[in-house]
Amino acid sequence: MPVLRLRTLLVLVVATALTVLLSACGSTIFPTPTPTAFSEVTPASGTPTAQLTGLAAQGQQLFVKYQCAICHSLTGQRIVGPPLNGLYGSTVPLTNGTSVKADDAYLKLAILEPDAQVVNGYQSGIMSSHIGQFETEIAQANNLDALVAFIQSQK
């Protein structure tokens, strides 16, 4: 496990250095993700998330707490990670050439073990290195269910 985390850290350091180097040259090949404030996290439909209730509302708070918006858009914008709006119930193409339906089971696996099924066009190792600091808390059943409910609410 420590070797995997060290390799993931090395990948992040190299990616960050490359991004800094390219942005110094004026390149926009890697867009800079912008952290989203709690008040800006709204579903794609435009309905304020303050109207979310129950698990979805709790998931919204966790989405902000775990800084998910740094990599995952709720508006369809492609940044570091795949966008989450319209994800629930869709067919997700994976890097191994297969596809999977984005249901509760897939989302839970994608959150807890992000490198188990990597979405085609995205890199492995990035999310797993970021969520490590939150791993124990995220793995609590209620938190995981809340995150899934929030993603499901993003139409």
N, C-alpha and C. Protein backbone atom coordinates (compact mmCIF):
# COMPACT_ATOMS: atom_id res chain seq x y z
N MET A 1 0.82 -1.20 0.00
CA MET A 1 0.00 0.00 0.00
C MET A 1 0.86 1.27 0.00
N PRO A 2 1.96 1.36 0.83
CA PRO A 2 2.78 2.55 0.81
C PRO A 2 3.43 2.80 -0.56
N VAL A 3 3.78 1.74 -1.31
CA VAL A 3 4.38 1.90 -2.62
C VAL A 3 3.37 2.53 -3.57
N LEU A 4 2.11 2.10 -3.51
CA LEU A 4 1.06 2.65 -4.36
C LEU A 4 0.85 4.13 -4.05
N ARG A 5 0.82 4.49 -2.79
CA ARG A 5 0.63 5.89 -2.43
C ARG A 5 1.82 6.74 -2.86
N LEU A 6 3.04 6.18 -2.75
CA LEU A 6 4.23 6.90 -3.18
C LEU A 6 4.20 7.12 -4.69
N ARG A 7 3.80 6.09 -5.44
CA ARG A 7 3.70 6.21 -6.89
C ARG A 7 2.62 7.24 -7.26
N THR A 8 1.51 7.21 -6.56
CA THR A 8 0.44 8.17 -6.82
C THR A 8 0.91 9.58 -6.52
N LEU A 9 1.63 9.76 -5.43
CA LEU A 9 2.17 11.07 -5.09
C LEU A 9 3.13 11.54 -6.17
N LEU A 10 3.97 10.64 -6.67
CA LEU A 10 4.91 11.00 -7.72
C LEU A 10 4.16 11.44 -8.98
N VAL A 11 3.09 10.73 -9.34
CA VAL A 11 2.29 11.10 -10.50
C VAL A 11 1.71 12.50 -10.31
N LEU A 12 1.20 12.79 -9.11
CA LEU A 12 0.62 14.11 -8.85
C LEU A 12 1.67 15.21 -8.91
N VAL A 13 2.87 14.94 -8.39
CA VAL A 13 3.94 15.94 -8.41
C VAL A 13 4.34 16.23 -9.85
N VAL A 14 4.50 15.18 -10.66
CA VAL A 14 4.88 15.38 -12.06
C VAL A 14 3.77 16.12 -12.81
N ALA A 15 2.52 15.72 -12.58
CA ALA A 15 1.40 16.39 -13.26
C ALA A 15 1.32 17.86 -12.86
N THR A 16 1.52 18.14 -11.58
CA THR A 16 1.49 19.53 -11.11
C THR A 16 2.62 20.34 -11.72
N ALA A 17 3.81 19.76 -11.75
CA ALA A 17 4.96 20.46 -12.34
C ALA A 17 4.72 20.73 -13.82
N LEU A 18 4.18 19.76 -14.53
CA LEU A 18 3.87 19.93 -15.94
C LEU A 18 2.82 21.01 -16.15
N THR A 19 1.80 21.02 -15.32
CA THR A 19 0.74 22.03 -15.41
C THR A 19 1.30 23.42 -15.18
N VAL A 20 2.16 23.57 -14.17
CA VAL A 20 2.78 24.87 -13.87
C VAL A 20 3.65 25.31 -15.03
N LEU A 21 4.43 24.38 -15.57
CA LEU A 21 5.31 24.70 -16.69
C LEU A 21 4.50 25.13 -17.91
N LEU A 22 3.43 24.39 -18.23
CA LEU A 22 2.61 24.73 -19.39
C LEU A 22 1.86 26.04 -19.18
N SER A 23 1.38 26.28 -17.97
CA SER A 23 0.66 27.53 -17.75
C SER A 23 1.61 28.73 -17.78
N ALA A 24 2.87 28.52 -17.42
CA ALA A 24 3.85 29.59 -17.52
C ALA A 24 4.11 29.94 -18.97
N CYS A 25 3.93 28.97 -19.85
CA CYS A 25 4.10 29.19 -21.29
C CYS A 25 2.83 29.72 -21.93
N GLY A 26 1.77 29.86 -21.16
CA GLY A 26 0.52 30.36 -21.69
C GLY A 26 -0.37 29.27 -22.27
N SER A 27 -0.02 28.00 -22.06
CA SER A 27 -0.82 26.90 -22.59
C SER A 27 -2.04 26.66 -21.73
N THR A 28 -3.14 26.28 -22.36
CA THR A 28 -4.35 25.96 -21.62
C THR A 28 -4.72 24.50 -21.80
N ILE A 29 -3.72 23.66 -22.08
CA ILE A 29 -3.99 22.24 -22.30
C ILE A 29 -4.59 21.60 -21.05
N PHE A 30 -4.19 22.08 -19.87
CA PHE A 30 -4.74 21.58 -18.62
C PHE A 30 -5.48 22.72 -17.94
N PRO A 31 -6.81 22.75 -18.03
CA PRO A 31 -7.53 23.86 -17.39
C PRO A 31 -7.34 23.82 -15.88
N THR A 32 -7.24 24.97 -15.27
CA THR A 32 -7.08 25.05 -13.84
C THR A 32 -8.44 24.94 -13.17
N PRO A 33 -8.65 23.85 -12.39
CA PRO A 33 -9.95 23.72 -11.74
C PRO A 33 -10.14 24.82 -10.70
N THR A 34 -11.34 25.31 -10.60
CA THR A 34 -11.66 26.35 -9.65
C THR A 34 -12.50 25.76 -8.54
N PRO A 35 -12.03 25.86 -7.29
CA PRO A 35 -12.84 25.34 -6.20
C PRO A 35 -14.20 26.03 -6.18
N THR A 36 -15.22 25.27 -5.88
CA THR A 36 -16.58 25.80 -5.87
C THR A 36 -17.01 26.06 -4.44
N ALA A 37 -17.48 27.25 -4.21
CA ALA A 37 -17.99 27.59 -2.88
C ALA A 37 -19.31 26.88 -2.66
N PHE A 38 -19.67 26.67 -1.41
CA PHE A 38 -20.91 25.96 -1.07
C PHE A 38 -22.11 26.58 -1.77
N SER A 39 -22.17 27.88 -1.82
CA SER A 39 -23.34 28.54 -2.42
C SER A 39 -23.40 28.34 -3.92
N GLU A 40 -22.28 27.95 -4.55
CA GLU A 40 -22.27 27.77 -6.00
C GLU A 40 -22.61 26.35 -6.41
N VAL A 41 -22.70 25.42 -5.49
CA VAL A 41 -23.00 24.03 -5.83
C VAL A 41 -24.50 23.91 -6.05
N THR A 42 -24.89 23.93 -7.31
CA THR A 42 -26.30 23.81 -7.66
C THR A 42 -26.47 22.75 -8.72
N PRO A 43 -27.60 22.09 -8.77
CA PRO A 43 -27.83 21.11 -9.82
C PRO A 43 -27.88 21.78 -11.19
N ALA A 44 -27.62 21.01 -12.22
CA ALA A 44 -27.59 21.54 -13.58
C ALA A 44 -28.93 22.17 -13.97
N SER A 45 -30.02 21.73 -13.35
CA SER A 45 -31.34 22.27 -13.68
C SER A 45 -31.50 23.71 -13.23
N GLY A 46 -30.60 24.19 -12.39
CA GLY A 46 -30.67 25.56 -11.90
C GLY A 46 -31.43 25.69 -10.60
N THR A 47 -32.02 24.60 -10.11
CA THR A 47 -32.73 24.64 -8.84
C THR A 47 -31.70 24.77 -7.73
N PRO A 48 -31.82 25.75 -6.86
CA PRO A 48 -30.84 25.91 -5.78
C PRO A 48 -30.75 24.65 -4.92
N THR A 49 -29.52 24.27 -4.59
CA THR A 49 -29.34 23.06 -3.80
C THR A 49 -29.85 23.24 -2.38
N ALA A 50 -30.11 24.47 -1.97
CA ALA A 50 -30.66 24.69 -0.64
C ALA A 50 -32.01 23.97 -0.52
N GLN A 51 -32.65 23.67 -1.66
CA GLN A 51 -33.92 22.98 -1.65
C GLN A 51 -33.77 21.47 -1.52
N LEU A 52 -32.54 20.97 -1.59
CA LEU A 52 -32.33 19.55 -1.40
C LEU A 52 -32.65 19.20 0.04
N THR A 53 -33.15 17.99 0.25
CA THR A 53 -33.47 17.55 1.60
C THR A 53 -32.83 16.19 1.85
N GLY A 54 -32.84 15.80 3.09
CA GLY A 54 -32.38 14.47 3.48
C GLY A 54 -30.95 14.16 3.08
N LEU A 55 -30.75 12.95 2.56
CA LEU A 55 -29.41 12.50 2.21
C LEU A 55 -28.78 13.37 1.12
N ALA A 56 -29.57 13.82 0.16
CA ALA A 56 -29.01 14.64 -0.92
C ALA A 56 -28.44 15.95 -0.36
N ALA A 57 -29.12 16.56 0.58
CA ALA A 57 -28.63 17.79 1.21
C ALA A 57 -27.35 17.52 2.01
N GLN A 58 -27.33 16.39 2.71
CA GLN A 58 -26.12 16.01 3.45
C GLN A 58 -24.99 15.75 2.46
N GLY A 59 -25.30 15.10 1.35
CA GLY A 59 -24.29 14.82 0.32
C GLY A 59 -23.72 16.09 -0.29
N GLN A 60 -24.57 17.10 -0.44
CA GLN A 60 -24.11 18.39 -0.95
C GLN A 60 -23.05 18.97 -0.01
N GLN A 61 -23.32 18.91 1.29
CA GLN A 61 -22.36 19.43 2.27
C GLN A 61 -21.05 18.65 2.22
N LEU A 62 -21.15 17.33 2.07
CA LEU A 62 -19.95 16.50 1.99
C LEU A 62 -19.19 16.76 0.69
N PHE A 63 -19.91 17.00 -0.40
CA PHE A 63 -19.31 17.32 -1.69
C PHE A 63 -18.40 18.54 -1.55
N VAL A 64 -18.85 19.52 -0.80
CA VAL A 64 -18.05 20.73 -0.56
C VAL A 64 -16.92 20.42 0.42
N LYS A 65 -17.24 19.73 1.50
CA LYS A 65 -16.24 19.42 2.53
C LYS A 65 -15.06 18.64 1.96
N TYR A 66 -15.36 17.66 1.10
CA TYR A 66 -14.30 16.82 0.54
C TYR A 66 -13.68 17.43 -0.71
N GLN A 67 -14.09 18.64 -1.06
CA GLN A 67 -13.53 19.40 -2.17
C GLN A 67 -13.72 18.71 -3.52
N CYS A 68 -14.82 18.00 -3.68
CA CYS A 68 -15.10 17.26 -4.92
C CYS A 68 -15.19 18.19 -6.12
N ALA A 69 -15.68 19.42 -5.90
CA ALA A 69 -15.88 20.36 -7.01
C ALA A 69 -14.58 20.84 -7.63
N ILE A 70 -13.47 20.60 -6.98
CA ILE A 70 -12.19 20.96 -7.58
C ILE A 70 -11.97 20.14 -8.85
N CYS A 71 -12.43 18.90 -8.84
CA CYS A 71 -12.21 18.02 -10.00
C CYS A 71 -13.47 17.63 -10.75
N HIS A 72 -14.63 17.69 -10.10
CA HIS A 72 -15.88 17.23 -10.72
C HIS A 72 -16.87 18.37 -10.89
N SER A 73 -17.24 18.61 -12.14
CA SER A 73 -18.21 19.66 -12.47
C SER A 73 -19.63 19.14 -12.28
N LEU A 74 -20.53 20.05 -11.98
CA LEU A 74 -21.96 19.74 -11.92
C LEU A 74 -22.69 20.34 -13.12
N THR A 75 -21.92 20.90 -14.05
CA THR A 75 -22.51 21.57 -15.21
C THR A 75 -22.12 20.92 -16.53
N GLY A 76 -21.38 19.83 -16.48
CA GLY A 76 -20.97 19.16 -17.71
C GLY A 76 -19.58 19.52 -18.17
N GLN A 77 -18.96 20.49 -17.51
CA GLN A 77 -17.61 20.90 -17.88
C GLN A 77 -16.63 19.78 -17.57
N ARG A 78 -15.74 19.49 -18.50
CA ARG A 78 -14.72 18.47 -18.30
C ARG A 78 -13.51 19.13 -17.63
N ILE A 79 -13.19 18.67 -16.42
CA ILE A 79 -11.99 19.16 -15.75
C ILE A 79 -11.16 17.94 -15.39
N VAL A 80 -10.60 17.85 -14.23
CA VAL A 80 -9.72 16.74 -13.86
C VAL A 80 -10.48 15.41 -13.81
N GLY A 81 -11.67 15.44 -13.25
CA GLY A 81 -12.50 14.24 -13.17
C GLY A 81 -13.75 14.42 -14.01
N PRO A 82 -14.46 13.34 -14.27
CA PRO A 82 -15.67 13.44 -15.11
C PRO A 82 -16.77 14.27 -14.44
N PRO A 83 -17.58 14.95 -15.24
CA PRO A 83 -18.69 15.72 -14.68
C PRO A 83 -19.72 14.79 -14.05
N LEU A 84 -20.45 15.28 -13.06
CA LEU A 84 -21.39 14.45 -12.32
C LEU A 84 -22.85 14.69 -12.70
N ASN A 85 -23.15 15.79 -13.38
CA ASN A 85 -24.54 16.02 -13.76
C ASN A 85 -24.94 15.01 -14.85
N GLY A 86 -26.09 14.41 -14.68
CA GLY A 86 -26.57 13.42 -15.64
C GLY A 86 -25.88 12.08 -15.56
N LEU A 87 -25.00 11.93 -14.60
CA LEU A 87 -24.24 10.68 -14.49
C LEU A 87 -25.11 9.52 -14.03
N TYR A 88 -25.92 9.75 -13.00
CA TYR A 88 -26.69 8.65 -12.41
C TYR A 88 -27.62 8.03 -13.46
N GLY A 89 -27.51 6.71 -13.62
CA GLY A 89 -28.34 5.97 -14.56
C GLY A 89 -27.76 5.90 -15.97
N SER A 90 -26.70 6.64 -16.23
CA SER A 90 -26.10 6.63 -17.57
C SER A 90 -25.15 5.45 -17.72
N THR A 91 -24.72 5.20 -18.94
CA THR A 91 -23.72 4.18 -19.23
C THR A 91 -22.37 4.86 -19.27
N VAL A 92 -21.42 4.34 -18.48
CA VAL A 92 -20.10 4.96 -18.35
C VAL A 92 -19.07 4.09 -19.06
N PRO A 93 -18.38 4.64 -20.08
CA PRO A 93 -17.32 3.88 -20.76
C PRO A 93 -16.05 3.88 -19.89
N LEU A 94 -15.43 2.73 -19.77
CA LEU A 94 -14.24 2.59 -18.92
C LEU A 94 -12.98 2.44 -19.77
N THR A 95 -11.84 2.69 -19.15
CA THR A 95 -10.56 2.62 -19.86
C THR A 95 -10.23 1.21 -20.33
N ASN A 96 -10.82 0.20 -19.72
CA ASN A 96 -10.55 -1.18 -20.13
C ASN A 96 -11.40 -1.62 -21.32
N GLY A 97 -12.16 -0.71 -21.89
CA GLY A 97 -12.97 -1.01 -23.06
C GLY A 97 -14.38 -1.49 -22.76
N THR A 98 -14.70 -1.69 -21.50
CA THR A 98 -16.05 -2.10 -21.11
C THR A 98 -16.84 -0.86 -20.69
N SER A 99 -18.07 -1.08 -20.31
CA SER A 99 -18.87 0.02 -19.79
C SER A 99 -19.70 -0.50 -18.63
N VAL A 100 -20.20 0.42 -17.83
CA VAL A 100 -20.95 0.06 -16.64
C VAL A 100 -22.07 1.09 -16.45
N LYS A 101 -23.18 0.63 -15.87
CA LYS A 101 -24.27 1.56 -15.57
C LYS A 101 -23.95 2.29 -14.27
N ALA A 102 -24.14 3.60 -14.27
CA ALA A 102 -23.85 4.42 -13.09
C ALA A 102 -25.02 4.32 -12.11
N ASP A 103 -25.05 3.24 -11.35
CA ASP A 103 -26.07 3.05 -10.32
C ASP A 103 -25.42 3.22 -8.95
N ASP A 104 -26.16 2.95 -7.90
CA ASP A 104 -25.62 3.11 -6.54
C ASP A 104 -24.33 2.31 -6.34
N ALA A 105 -24.33 1.06 -6.78
CA ALA A 105 -23.17 0.19 -6.57
C ALA A 105 -21.94 0.75 -7.29
N TYR A 106 -22.11 1.18 -8.54
CA TYR A 106 -20.98 1.76 -9.29
C TYR A 106 -20.46 3.01 -8.60
N LEU A 107 -21.37 3.91 -8.21
CA LEU A 107 -20.93 5.16 -7.59
C LEU A 107 -20.20 4.91 -6.27
N LYS A 108 -20.70 3.97 -5.48
CA LYS A 108 -20.01 3.66 -4.21
C LYS A 108 -18.61 3.13 -4.47
N LEU A 109 -18.47 2.24 -5.45
CA LEU A 109 -17.16 1.72 -5.79
C LEU A 109 -16.27 2.83 -6.34
N ALA A 110 -16.82 3.68 -7.19
CA ALA A 110 -16.05 4.78 -7.77
C ALA A 110 -15.56 5.76 -6.71
N ILE A 111 -16.33 5.93 -5.66
CA ILE A 111 -15.93 6.84 -4.59
C ILE A 111 -14.90 6.17 -3.67
N LEU A 112 -15.15 4.94 -3.28
CA LEU A 112 -14.26 4.26 -2.33
C LEU A 112 -12.99 3.72 -2.97
N GLU A 113 -13.11 3.25 -4.22
CA GLU A 113 -11.97 2.69 -4.94
C GLU A 113 -11.93 3.28 -6.34
N PRO A 114 -11.55 4.55 -6.45
CA PRO A 114 -11.65 5.24 -7.73
C PRO A 114 -10.82 4.63 -8.87
N ASP A 115 -9.82 3.87 -8.55
CA ASP A 115 -8.99 3.27 -9.59
C ASP A 115 -9.49 1.89 -10.02
N ALA A 116 -10.54 1.38 -9.41
CA ALA A 116 -11.06 0.06 -9.76
C ALA A 116 -11.70 0.06 -11.14
N GLN A 117 -12.40 1.13 -11.48
CA GLN A 117 -13.06 1.28 -12.79
C GLN A 117 -12.88 2.73 -13.23
N VAL A 118 -11.86 2.98 -14.01
CA VAL A 118 -11.53 4.35 -14.41
C VAL A 118 -12.32 4.71 -15.67
N VAL A 119 -12.94 5.88 -15.63
CA VAL A 119 -13.72 6.37 -16.77
C VAL A 119 -12.77 6.66 -17.94
N ASN A 120 -13.19 6.22 -19.12
CA ASN A 120 -12.38 6.41 -20.32
C ASN A 120 -12.08 7.90 -20.52
N GLY A 121 -10.81 8.20 -20.78
CA GLY A 121 -10.41 9.59 -21.00
C GLY A 121 -9.88 10.28 -19.75
N TYR A 122 -9.88 9.58 -18.63
CA TYR A 122 -9.39 10.16 -17.38
C TYR A 122 -8.27 9.30 -16.81
N GLN A 123 -7.42 9.92 -15.96
CA GLN A 123 -6.28 9.22 -15.38
C GLN A 123 -6.63 8.56 -14.07
N SER A 124 -6.01 7.43 -13.84
CA SER A 124 -6.14 6.78 -12.54
C SER A 124 -5.16 7.43 -11.57
N GLY A 125 -5.40 7.25 -10.29
CA GLY A 125 -4.47 7.71 -9.27
C GLY A 125 -4.72 9.09 -8.71
N ILE A 126 -5.41 9.93 -9.43
CA ILE A 126 -5.60 11.31 -8.97
C ILE A 126 -6.60 11.38 -7.83
N MET A 127 -7.78 10.81 -8.04
CA MET A 127 -8.80 10.87 -6.98
C MET A 127 -8.39 10.06 -5.77
N SER A 128 -7.81 8.89 -5.99
CA SER A 128 -7.43 8.06 -4.85
C SER A 128 -6.41 8.74 -3.96
N SER A 129 -5.51 9.53 -4.55
CA SER A 129 -4.54 10.23 -3.72
C SER A 129 -5.18 11.39 -2.97
N HIS A 130 -6.19 12.02 -3.56
CA HIS A 130 -6.85 13.15 -2.89
C HIS A 130 -7.75 12.69 -1.75
N ILE A 131 -8.53 11.64 -1.97
CA ILE A 131 -9.50 11.25 -0.94
C ILE A 131 -8.87 10.48 0.21
N GLY A 132 -7.61 10.14 0.10
CA GLY A 132 -6.95 9.41 1.17
C GLY A 132 -7.12 10.07 2.53
N GLN A 133 -7.06 11.38 2.55
CA GLN A 133 -7.19 12.11 3.81
C GLN A 133 -8.60 12.02 4.39
N PHE A 134 -9.58 11.70 3.55
CA PHE A 134 -10.98 11.62 3.98
C PHE A 134 -11.51 10.18 3.98
N GLU A 135 -10.68 9.23 3.61
CA GLU A 135 -11.11 7.86 3.33
C GLU A 135 -11.97 7.24 4.43
N THR A 136 -11.52 7.32 5.66
CA THR A 136 -12.27 6.71 6.76
C THR A 136 -13.64 7.35 6.93
N GLU A 137 -13.69 8.65 6.84
CA GLU A 137 -14.95 9.37 7.00
C GLU A 137 -15.91 9.10 5.83
N ILE A 138 -15.37 9.09 4.61
CA ILE A 138 -16.20 8.82 3.43
C ILE A 138 -16.79 7.42 3.49
N ALA A 139 -16.01 6.47 3.98
CA ALA A 139 -16.43 5.06 4.00
C ALA A 139 -17.58 4.80 4.97
N GLN A 140 -17.87 5.73 5.86
CA GLN A 140 -19.01 5.54 6.75
C GLN A 140 -20.27 5.48 5.90
N ALA A 141 -21.10 4.47 6.13
CA ALA A 141 -22.24 4.18 5.27
C ALA A 141 -23.13 5.39 5.00
N ASN A 142 -23.45 6.16 6.03
CA ASN A 142 -24.33 7.30 5.84
C ASN A 142 -23.70 8.36 4.94
N ASN A 143 -22.40 8.59 5.09
CA ASN A 143 -21.71 9.57 4.25
C ASN A 143 -21.67 9.10 2.80
N LEU A 144 -21.38 7.84 2.59
CA LEU A 144 -21.32 7.30 1.24
C LEU A 144 -22.71 7.36 0.58
N ASP A 145 -23.73 6.98 1.32
CA ASP A 145 -25.10 7.05 0.80
C ASP A 145 -25.49 8.50 0.47
N ALA A 146 -25.05 9.43 1.29
CA ALA A 146 -25.37 10.84 1.08
C ALA A 146 -24.70 11.37 -0.19
N LEU A 147 -23.44 11.01 -0.40
CA LEU A 147 -22.75 11.43 -1.62
C LEU A 147 -23.44 10.86 -2.86
N VAL A 148 -23.84 9.60 -2.79
CA VAL A 148 -24.54 8.97 -3.92
C VAL A 148 -25.88 9.68 -4.16
N ALA A 149 -26.60 10.00 -3.10
CA ALA A 149 -27.89 10.70 -3.23
C ALA A 149 -27.70 12.07 -3.87
N PHE A 150 -26.63 12.77 -3.49
CA PHE A 150 -26.36 14.08 -4.09
C PHE A 150 -26.05 13.93 -5.58
N ILE A 151 -25.21 12.97 -5.93
CA ILE A 151 -24.89 12.75 -7.35
C ILE A 151 -26.16 12.38 -8.11
N GLN A 152 -27.01 11.55 -7.51
CA GLN A 152 -28.26 11.17 -8.15
C GLN A 152 -29.15 12.39 -8.40
N SER A 153 -29.07 13.39 -7.53
CA SER A 153 -29.91 14.59 -7.68
C SER A 153 -29.44 15.51 -8.80
N GLN A 154 -28.26 15.26 -9.33
CA GLN A 154 -27.70 16.13 -10.37
C GLN A 154 -28.16 15.66 -11.73
N LYS A 155 -29.22 16.22 -12.22
CA LYS A 155 -29.83 15.80 -13.51
C LYS A 155 -29.17 16.47 -14.69
